């Protein structure tokens, strides 16, 4: 399973259908395309921290715009 596939799986588990992940691609923007708001970003970060052991900083929340950014951050741990 690729990092992207695992990230998409985590999004589905965390948001239980509340956001659109079925058409999610690496280019999808988290706010505009996926539908995450500030709280959603926080839940996403907490789930990814738990799964991958990566820590998200305040700067990450500013710089992470797309799913590809999330994948890159997870892979940089």
PDB file of N, CA and C in Angstrom:
ATOM      1  N   UNK A   1       0.849  -1.174   0.000  1.00  0.00           N
ATOM      2  CA  UNK A   1       0.000   0.000   0.000  1.00  0.00           C
ATOM      3  C   UNK A   1       0.901   1.246   0.000  1.00  0.00           C
ATOM      4  N   UNK A   2       0.592   2.195  -0.858  1.00  0.00           N
ATOM      5  CA  UNK A   2       1.376   3.422  -0.918  1.00  0.00           C
ATOM      6  C   UNK A   2       0.999   4.355   0.230  1.00  0.00           C
ATOM      7  N   UNK A   3       1.828   5.344   0.465  1.00  0.00           N
ATOM      8  CA  UNK A   3       1.526   6.327   1.508  1.00  0.00           C
ATOM      9  C   UNK A   3       0.230   7.051   1.173  1.00  0.00           C
ATOM     10  N   UNK A   4       0.047   7.396  -0.101  1.00  0.00           N
ATOM     11  CA  UNK A   4      -1.188   8.063  -0.514  1.00  0.00           C
ATOM     12  C   UNK A   4      -2.409   7.208  -0.195  1.00  0.00           C
ATOM     13  N   UNK A   5      -2.355   5.931  -0.518  1.00  0.00           N
ATOM     14  CA  UNK A   5      -3.485   5.038  -0.261  1.00  0.00           C
ATOM     15  C   UNK A   5      -3.767   4.938   1.232  1.00  0.00           C
ATOM     16  N   UNK A   6      -2.731   4.871   2.048  1.00  0.00           N
ATOM     17  CA  UNK A   6      -2.922   4.787   3.506  1.00  0.00           C
ATOM     18  C   UNK A   6      -3.489   6.094   4.048  1.00  0.00           C
ATOM     19  N   UNK A   7      -2.995   7.235   3.530  1.00  0.00           N
ATOM     20  CA  UNK A   7      -3.524   8.533   3.956  1.00  0.00           C
ATOM     21  C   UNK A   7      -5.008   8.627   3.602  1.00  0.00           C
ATOM     22  N   UNK A   8      -5.376   8.221   2.391  1.00  0.00           N
ATOM     23  CA  UNK A   8      -6.788   8.250   1.975  1.00  0.00           C
ATOM     24  C   UNK A   8      -7.631   7.349   2.879  1.00  0.00           C
ATOM     25  N   UNK A   9      -7.102   6.188   3.229  1.00  0.00           N
ATOM     26  CA  UNK A   9      -7.802   5.262   4.116  1.00  0.00           C
ATOM     27  C   UNK A   9      -8.024   5.897   5.498  1.00  0.00           C
ATOM     28  N   UNK A  10      -7.007   6.589   6.002  1.00  0.00           N
ATOM     29  CA  UNK A  10      -7.123   7.255   7.295  1.00  0.00           C
ATOM     30  C   UNK A  10      -8.169   8.365   7.226  1.00  0.00           C
ATOM     31  N   UNK A  11      -8.176   9.139   6.140  1.00  0.00           N
ATOM     32  CA  UNK A  11      -9.193  10.181   5.968  1.00  0.00           C
ATOM     33  C   UNK A  11     -10.582   9.567   6.041  1.00  0.00           C
ATOM     34  N   UNK A  12     -10.790   8.442   5.359  1.00  0.00           N
ATOM     35  CA  UNK A  12     -12.095   7.780   5.371  1.00  0.00           C
ATOM     36  C   UNK A  12     -12.484   7.334   6.780  1.00  0.00           C
ATOM     37  N   UNK A  13     -11.535   6.788   7.518  1.00  0.00           N
ATOM     38  CA  UNK A  13     -11.809   6.315   8.875  1.00  0.00           C
ATOM     39  C   UNK A  13     -12.115   7.469   9.816  1.00  0.00           C
ATOM     40  N   UNK A  14     -11.314   8.525   9.743  1.00  0.00           N
ATOM     41  CA  UNK A  14     -11.459   9.648  10.671  1.00  0.00           C
ATOM     42  C   UNK A  14     -12.745  10.423  10.413  1.00  0.00           C
ATOM     43  N   UNK A  15     -13.057  10.641   9.147  1.00  0.00           N
ATOM     44  CA  UNK A  15     -14.185  11.514   8.830  1.00  0.00           C
ATOM     45  C   UNK A  15     -15.469  10.758   8.502  1.00  0.00           C
ATOM     46  N   UNK A  16     -15.418   9.441   8.504  1.00  0.00           N
ATOM     47  CA  UNK A  16     -16.595   8.582   8.379  1.00  0.00           C
ATOM     48  C   UNK A  16     -17.605   9.082   7.354  1.00  0.00           C
ATOM     49  N   UNK A  17     -17.121   9.437   6.162  1.00  0.00           N
ATOM     50  CA  UNK A  17     -18.017   9.856   5.093  1.00  0.00           C
ATOM     51  C   UNK A  17     -18.412  11.316   5.118  1.00  0.00           C
ATOM     52  N   UNK A  18     -17.929  12.082   6.102  1.00  0.00           N
ATOM     53  CA  UNK A  18     -18.275  13.497   6.188  1.00  0.00           C
ATOM     54  C   UNK A  18     -17.537  14.353   5.170  1.00  0.00           C
ATOM     55  N   UNK A  19     -16.452  13.820   4.606  1.00  0.00           N
ATOM     56  CA  UNK A  19     -15.733  14.543   3.565  1.00  0.00           C
ATOM     57  C   UNK A  19     -15.611  13.648   2.349  1.00  0.00           C
ATOM     58  N   UNK A  20     -15.302  14.243   1.217  1.00  0.00           N
ATOM     59  CA  UNK A  20     -15.237  13.511  -0.040  1.00  0.00           C
ATOM     60  C   UNK A  20     -13.829  12.984  -0.286  1.00  0.00           C
ATOM     61  N   UNK A  21     -13.639  11.679  -0.152  1.00  0.00           N
ATOM     62  CA  UNK A  21     -12.328  11.092  -0.422  1.00  0.00           C
ATOM     63  C   UNK A  21     -12.347  10.166  -1.630  1.00  0.00           C
ATOM     64  N   UNK A  22     -13.507   9.837  -2.134  1.00  0.00           N
ATOM     65  CA  UNK A  22     -13.555   8.871  -3.231  1.00  0.00           C
ATOM     66  C   UNK A  22     -12.903   9.400  -4.507  1.00  0.00           C
ATOM     67  N   UNK A  23     -12.927  10.696  -4.716  1.00  0.00           N
ATOM     68  CA  UNK A  23     -12.278  11.278  -5.891  1.00  0.00           C
ATOM     69  C   UNK A  23     -10.981  11.995  -5.534  1.00  0.00           C
ATOM     70  N   UNK A  24     -10.455  11.730  -4.355  1.00  0.00           N
ATOM     71  CA  UNK A  24      -9.263  12.406  -3.889  1.00  0.00           C
ATOM     72  C   UNK A  24      -8.036  11.947  -4.690  1.00  0.00           C
ATOM     73  N   UNK A  25      -7.228  12.930  -5.095  1.00  0.00           N
ATOM     74  CA  UNK A  25      -5.972  12.665  -5.787  1.00  0.00           C
ATOM     75  C   UNK A  25      -4.867  13.407  -5.047  1.00  0.00           C
ATOM     76  N   UNK A  26      -3.653  13.206  -5.467  1.00  0.00           N
ATOM     77  CA  UNK A  26      -2.542  13.926  -4.854  1.00  0.00           C
ATOM     78  C   UNK A  26      -2.675  15.432  -5.050  1.00  0.00           C
ATOM     79  N   UNK A  27      -3.304  15.845  -6.135  1.00  0.00           N
ATOM     80  CA  UNK A  27      -3.453  17.265  -6.435  1.00  0.00           C
ATOM     81  C   UNK A  27      -4.646  17.908  -5.717  1.00  0.00           C
ATOM     82  N   UNK A  28      -5.471  17.117  -5.072  1.00  0.00           N
ATOM     83  CA  UNK A  28      -6.661  17.648  -4.391  1.00  0.00           C
ATOM     84  C   UNK A  28      -6.254  18.620  -3.291  1.00  0.00           C
ATOM     85  N   UNK A  29      -6.924  19.771  -3.271  1.00  0.00           N
ATOM     86  CA  UNK A  29      -6.694  20.751  -2.207  1.00  0.00           C
ATOM     87  C   UNK A  29      -7.532  20.359  -1.004  1.00  0.00           C
ATOM     88  N   UNK A  30      -6.918  20.389   0.168  1.00  0.00           N
ATOM     89  CA  UNK A  30      -7.582  19.894   1.377  1.00  0.00           C
ATOM     90  C   UNK A  30      -8.849  20.677   1.705  1.00  0.00           C
ATOM     91  N   UNK A  31      -8.819  21.980   1.573  1.00  0.00           N
ATOM     92  CA  UNK A  31      -9.994  22.786   1.925  1.00  0.00           C
ATOM     93  C   UNK A  31     -11.011  22.811   0.797  1.00  0.00           C
ATOM     94  N   UNK A  32     -10.583  23.172  -0.403  1.00  0.00           N
ATOM     95  CA  UNK A  32     -11.515  23.353  -1.501  1.00  0.00           C
ATOM     96  C   UNK A  32     -12.070  22.048  -2.062  1.00  0.00           C
ATOM     97  N   UNK A  33     -11.196  21.055  -2.270  1.00  0.00           N
ATOM     98  CA  UNK A  33     -11.620  19.816  -2.926  1.00  0.00           C
ATOM     99  C   UNK A  33     -12.068  18.729  -1.954  1.00  0.00           C
ATOM    100  N   UNK A  34     -11.330  18.578  -0.859  1.00  0.00           N
ATOM    101  CA  UNK A  34     -11.645  17.515   0.104  1.00  0.00           C
ATOM    102  C   UNK A  34     -12.699  17.979   1.107  1.00  0.00           C
ATOM    103  N   UNK A  35     -12.706  19.276   1.404  1.00  0.00           N
ATOM    104  CA  UNK A  35     -13.719  19.821   2.295  1.00  0.00           C
ATOM    105  C   UNK A  35     -13.303  19.936   3.755  1.00  0.00           C
ATOM    106  N   UNK A  36     -11.993  19.963   4.015  1.00  0.00           N
ATOM    107  CA  UNK A  36     -11.537  20.087   5.402  1.00  0.00           C
ATOM    108  C   UNK A  36     -11.609  21.536   5.867  1.00  0.00           C
ATOM    109  N   UNK A  37     -12.058  21.724   7.100  1.00  0.00           N
ATOM    110  CA  UNK A  37     -11.982  23.037   7.742  1.00  0.00           C
ATOM    111  C   UNK A  37     -10.865  22.960   8.788  1.00  0.00           C
ATOM    112  N   UNK A  38     -10.732  23.981   9.609  1.00  0.00           N
ATOM    113  CA  UNK A  38      -9.645  24.017  10.599  1.00  0.00           C
ATOM    114  C   UNK A  38      -9.692  22.827  11.544  1.00  0.00           C
ATOM    115  N   UNK A  39     -10.879  22.498  12.017  1.00  0.00           N
ATOM    116  CA  UNK A  39     -11.025  21.358  12.934  1.00  0.00           C
ATOM    117  C   UNK A  39     -10.700  20.061  12.202  1.00  0.00           C
ATOM    118  N   UNK A  40     -11.128  19.952  10.967  1.00  0.00           N
ATOM    119  CA  UNK A  40     -10.815  18.773  10.167  1.00  0.00           C
ATOM    120  C   UNK A  40      -9.322  18.599   9.976  1.00  0.00           C
ATOM    121  N   UNK A  41      -8.620  19.721   9.768  1.00  0.00           N
ATOM    122  CA  UNK A  41      -7.165  19.670   9.621  1.00  0.00           C
ATOM    123  C   UNK A  41      -6.525  19.144  10.913  1.00  0.00           C
ATOM    124  N   UNK A  42      -7.054  19.579  12.045  1.00  0.00           N
ATOM    125  CA  UNK A  42      -6.526  19.127  13.328  1.00  0.00           C
ATOM    126  C   UNK A  42      -6.754  17.628  13.517  1.00  0.00           C
ATOM    127  N   UNK A  43      -7.965  17.156  13.221  1.00  0.00           N
ATOM    128  CA  UNK A  43      -8.249  15.722  13.330  1.00  0.00           C
ATOM    129  C   UNK A  43      -7.367  14.916  12.383  1.00  0.00           C
ATOM    130  N   UNK A  44      -7.174  15.436  11.161  1.00  0.00           N
ATOM    131  CA  UNK A  44      -6.323  14.767  10.193  1.00  0.00           C
ATOM    132  C   UNK A  44      -4.910  14.643  10.746  1.00  0.00           C
ATOM    133  N   UNK A  45      -4.381  15.741  11.277  1.00  0.00           N
ATOM    134  CA  UNK A  45      -3.022  15.734  11.816  1.00  0.00           C
ATOM    135  C   UNK A  45      -2.883  14.753  12.969  1.00  0.00           C
ATOM    136  N   UNK A  46      -3.849  14.737  13.880  1.00  0.00           N
ATOM    137  CA  UNK A  46      -3.785  13.832  15.033  1.00  0.00           C
ATOM    138  C   UNK A  46      -3.786  12.368  14.581  1.00  0.00           C
ATOM    139  N   UNK A  47      -4.624  12.042  13.613  1.00  0.00           N
ATOM    140  CA  UNK A  47      -4.694  10.663  13.124  1.00  0.00           C
ATOM    141  C   UNK A  47      -3.400  10.257  12.429  1.00  0.00           C
ATOM    142  N   UNK A  48      -2.837  11.167  11.641  1.00  0.00           N
ATOM    143  CA  UNK A  48      -1.595  10.858  10.936  1.00  0.00           C
ATOM    144  C   UNK A  48      -0.416  10.780  11.897  1.00  0.00           C
ATOM    145  N   UNK A  49      -0.425  11.619  12.929  1.00  0.00           N
ATOM    146  CA  UNK A  49       0.621  11.547  13.949  1.00  0.00           C
ATOM    147  C   UNK A  49       0.592  10.188  14.644  1.00  0.00           C
ATOM    148  N   UNK A  50      -0.598   9.734  14.961  1.00  0.00           N
ATOM    149  CA  UNK A  50      -0.745   8.440  15.631  1.00  0.00           C
ATOM    150  C   UNK A  50      -0.326   7.287  14.725  1.00  0.00           C
ATOM    151  N   UNK A  51      -0.728   7.336  13.472  1.00  0.00           N
ATOM    152  CA  UNK A  51      -0.445   6.246  12.534  1.00  0.00           C
ATOM    153  C   UNK A  51       1.023   6.194  12.107  1.00  0.00           C
ATOM    154  N   UNK A  52       1.595   7.357  11.791  1.00  0.00           N
ATOM    155  CA  UNK A  52       2.931   7.389  11.192  1.00  0.00           C
ATOM    156  C   UNK A  52       4.024   7.897  12.122  1.00  0.00           C
ATOM    157  N   UNK A  53       3.664   8.424  13.285  1.00  0.00           N
ATOM    158  CA  UNK A  53       4.661   8.941  14.208  1.00  0.00           C
ATOM    159  C   UNK A  53       5.272  10.262  13.780  1.00  0.00           C
ATOM    160  N   UNK A  54       4.609  10.963  12.883  1.00  0.00           N
ATOM    161  CA  UNK A  54       5.076  12.267  12.414  1.00  0.00           C
ATOM    162  C   UNK A  54       4.411  13.359  13.244  1.00  0.00           C
ATOM    163  N   UNK A  55       5.126  14.422  13.507  1.00  0.00           N
ATOM    164  CA  UNK A  55       4.556  15.546  14.264  1.00  0.00           C
ATOM    165  C   UNK A  55       4.305  16.714  13.325  1.00  0.00           C
ATOM    166  N   UNK A  56       3.131  17.300  13.423  1.00  0.00           N
ATOM    167  CA  UNK A  56       2.772  18.463  12.617  1.00  0.00           C
ATOM    168  C   UNK A  56       2.969  19.719  13.450  1.00  0.00           C
ATOM    169  N   UNK A  57       3.616  20.713  12.849  1.00  0.00           N
ATOM    170  CA  UNK A  57       3.847  21.989  13.519  1.00  0.00           C
ATOM    171  C   UNK A  57       2.837  23.023  13.018  1.00  0.00           C
ATOM    172  N   UNK A  58       2.800  24.172  13.667  1.00  0.00           N
ATOM    173  CA  UNK A  58       1.930  25.249  13.188  1.00  0.00           C
ATOM    174  C   UNK A  58       2.304  25.645  11.765  1.00  0.00           C
ATOM    175  N   UNK A  59       3.587  25.642  11.463  1.00  0.00           N
ATOM    176  CA  UNK A  59       4.050  25.967  10.114  1.00  0.00           C
ATOM    177  C   UNK A  59       3.517  24.970   9.091  1.00  0.00           C
ATOM    178  N   UNK A  60       3.446  23.696   9.480  1.00  0.00           N
ATOM    179  CA  UNK A  60       2.896  22.679   8.582  1.00  0.00           C
ATOM    180  C   UNK A  60       1.465  23.024   8.190  1.00  0.00           C
ATOM    181  N   UNK A  61       0.683  23.504   9.140  1.00  0.00           N
ATOM    182  CA  UNK A  61      -0.714  23.826   8.853  1.00  0.00           C
ATOM    183  C   UNK A  61      -0.837  24.963   7.854  1.00  0.00           C
ATOM    184  N   UNK A  62       0.150  25.829   7.806  1.00  0.00           N
ATOM    185  CA  UNK A  62       0.154  26.930   6.835  1.00  0.00           C
ATOM    186  C   UNK A  62       0.603  26.426   5.469  1.00  0.00           C
ATOM    187  N   UNK A  63       1.597  25.543   5.456  1.00  0.00           N
ATOM    188  CA  UNK A  63       2.215  25.102   4.209  1.00  0.00           C
ATOM    189  C   UNK A  63       1.527  23.918   3.535  1.00  0.00           C
ATOM    190  N   UNK A  64       0.761  23.155   4.277  1.00  0.00           N
ATOM    191  CA  UNK A  64       0.101  21.982   3.696  1.00  0.00           C
ATOM    192  C   UNK A  64      -1.218  22.420   3.068  1.00  0.00           C
ATOM    193  N   UNK A  65      -1.258  22.310   1.742  1.00  0.00           N
ATOM    194  CA  UNK A  65      -2.427  22.756   0.987  1.00  0.00           C
ATOM    195  C   UNK A  65      -3.099  21.594   0.256  1.00  0.00           C
ATOM    196  N   UNK A  66      -2.293  20.667  -0.237  1.00  0.00           N
ATOM    197  CA  UNK A  66      -2.819  19.558  -1.034  1.00  0.00           C
ATOM    198  C   UNK A  66      -2.566  18.220  -0.347  1.00  0.00           C
ATOM    199  N   UNK A  67      -3.199  17.197  -0.872  1.00  0.00           N
ATOM    200  CA  UNK A  67      -2.965  15.839  -0.376  1.00  0.00           C
ATOM    201  C   UNK A  67      -1.498  15.462  -0.593  1.00  0.00           C
ATOM    202  N   UNK A  68      -0.907  15.901  -1.685  1.00  0.00           N
ATOM    203  CA  UNK A  68       0.506  15.627  -1.942  1.00  0.00           C
ATOM    204  C   UNK A  68       1.383  16.222  -0.842  1.00  0.00           C
ATOM    205  N   UNK A  69       1.004  17.399  -0.332  1.00  0.00           N
ATOM    206  CA  UNK A  69       1.749  18.008   0.775  1.00  0.00           C
ATOM    207  C   UNK A  69       1.675  17.130   2.026  1.00  0.00           C
ATOM    208  N   UNK A  70       0.508  16.560   2.277  1.00  0.00           N
ATOM    209  CA  UNK A  70       0.333  15.667   3.428  1.00  0.00           C
ATOM    210  C   UNK A  70       1.230  14.446   3.265  1.00  0.00           C
ATOM    211  N   UNK A  71       1.186  13.841   2.094  1.00  0.00           N
ATOM    212  CA  UNK A  71       1.985  12.641   1.816  1.00  0.00           C
ATOM    213  C   UNK A  71       3.470  12.964   1.975  1.00  0.00           C
ATOM    214  N   UNK A  72       3.902  14.100   1.433  1.00  0.00           N
ATOM    215  CA  UNK A  72       5.316  14.487   1.540  1.00  0.00           C
ATOM    216  C   UNK A  72       5.721  14.674   3.000  1.00  0.00           C
ATOM    217  N   UNK A  73       4.854  15.276   3.798  1.00  0.00           N
ATOM    218  CA  UNK A  73       5.154  15.497   5.216  1.00  0.00           C
ATOM    219  C   UNK A  73       5.271  14.159   5.951  1.00  0.00           C
ATOM    220  N   UNK A  74       4.356  13.242   5.653  1.00  0.00           N
ATOM    221  CA  UNK A  74       4.389  11.926   6.289  1.00  0.00           C
ATOM    222  C   UNK A  74       5.664  11.185   5.884  1.00  0.00           C
ATOM    223  N   UNK A  75       6.032  11.266   4.618  1.00  0.00           N
ATOM    224  CA  UNK A  75       7.208  10.545   4.136  1.00  0.00           C
ATOM    225  C   UNK A  75       8.518  11.179   4.608  1.00  0.00           C
ATOM    226  N   UNK A  76       8.470  12.423   5.089  1.00  0.00           N
ATOM    227  CA  UNK A  76       9.690  13.105   5.537  1.00  0.00           C
ATOM    228  C   UNK A  76      10.055  12.807   6.970  1.00  0.00           C
ATOM    229  N   UNK A  77       9.216  12.049   7.675  1.00  0.00           N
ATOM    230  CA  UNK A  77       9.440  11.813   9.103  1.00  0.00           C
ATOM    231  C   UNK A  77      10.745  11.158   9.421  1.00  0.00           C
TER     232      UNK A  77
END
